[in-house]
């Protein structure tokens, strides 16, 4: 698998723990972020 670097900023109104849980769940990345995973 090729390495990619994402460079963008988003303002998310949610608890840090919830965002961290989503952003570090790499197995579900295609489910959470299908456009990024293509």
C-alpha atoms as a PDB file:
ATOM      1  CA  UNK A   1       0.000   0.000   0.000  1.00  0.00           C
ATOM      2  CA  UNK A   2       1.299   3.425  -0.913  1.00  0.00           C
ATOM      3  CA  UNK A   3       1.692   6.013   1.813  1.00  0.00           C
ATOM      4  CA  UNK A   4      -0.414   9.149   1.558  1.00  0.00           C
ATOM      5  CA  UNK A   5      -0.287  12.436   3.411  1.00  0.00           C
ATOM      6  CA  UNK A   6      -3.492  14.316   4.101  1.00  0.00           C
ATOM      7  CA  UNK A   7      -3.147  18.068   4.422  1.00  0.00           C
ATOM      8  CA  UNK A   8      -6.310  19.896   5.268  1.00  0.00           C
ATOM      9  CA  UNK A   9      -7.966  21.493   8.267  1.00  0.00           C
ATOM     10  CA  UNK A  10     -11.490  20.875   9.486  1.00  0.00           C
ATOM     11  CA  UNK A  11     -13.386  22.464  12.361  1.00  0.00           C
ATOM     12  CA  UNK A  12     -15.233  19.704  14.191  1.00  0.00           C
ATOM     13  CA  UNK A  13     -17.593  20.457  17.036  1.00  0.00           C
ATOM     14  CA  UNK A  14     -17.261  17.207  18.985  1.00  0.00           C
ATOM     15  CA  UNK A  15     -15.420  15.902  22.035  1.00  0.00           C
ATOM     16  CA  UNK A  16     -11.719  15.298  21.332  1.00  0.00           C
ATOM     17  CA  UNK A  17     -12.014  11.685  22.517  1.00  0.00           C
ATOM     18  CA  UNK A  18     -14.718  10.923  19.921  1.00  0.00           C
ATOM     19  CA  UNK A  19     -12.745  12.475  17.064  1.00  0.00           C
ATOM     20  CA  UNK A  20      -9.575  10.681  18.169  1.00  0.00           C
ATOM     21  CA  UNK A  21     -11.422   7.348  18.222  1.00  0.00           C
ATOM     22  CA  UNK A  22     -12.598   7.809  14.635  1.00  0.00           C
ATOM     23  CA  UNK A  23      -9.320   9.168  13.267  1.00  0.00           C
ATOM     24  CA  UNK A  24      -7.245   6.346  14.767  1.00  0.00           C
ATOM     25  CA  UNK A  25      -9.533   3.479  13.673  1.00  0.00           C
ATOM     26  CA  UNK A  26      -7.574   2.720  10.499  1.00  0.00           C
ATOM     27  CA  UNK A  27      -9.429  -0.535   9.771  1.00  0.00           C
ATOM     28  CA  UNK A  28     -12.690   1.399   9.340  1.00  0.00           C
ATOM     29  CA  UNK A  29     -11.152   4.274   7.359  1.00  0.00           C
ATOM     30  CA  UNK A  30     -12.813   3.099   4.100  1.00  0.00           C
ATOM     31  CA  UNK A  31     -16.177   3.107   5.897  1.00  0.00           C
ATOM     32  CA  UNK A  32     -15.716   6.494   7.574  1.00  0.00           C
ATOM     33  CA  UNK A  33     -13.907   8.214   4.692  1.00  0.00           C
ATOM     34  CA  UNK A  34     -14.704   6.385   1.429  1.00  0.00           C
ATOM     35  CA  UNK A  35     -13.439   9.199  -0.832  1.00  0.00           C
ATOM     36  CA  UNK A  36     -10.083   9.281   0.973  1.00  0.00           C
ATOM     37  CA  UNK A  37      -9.713   5.490   0.946  1.00  0.00           C
ATOM     38  CA  UNK A  38     -10.157   5.116  -2.832  1.00  0.00           C
END
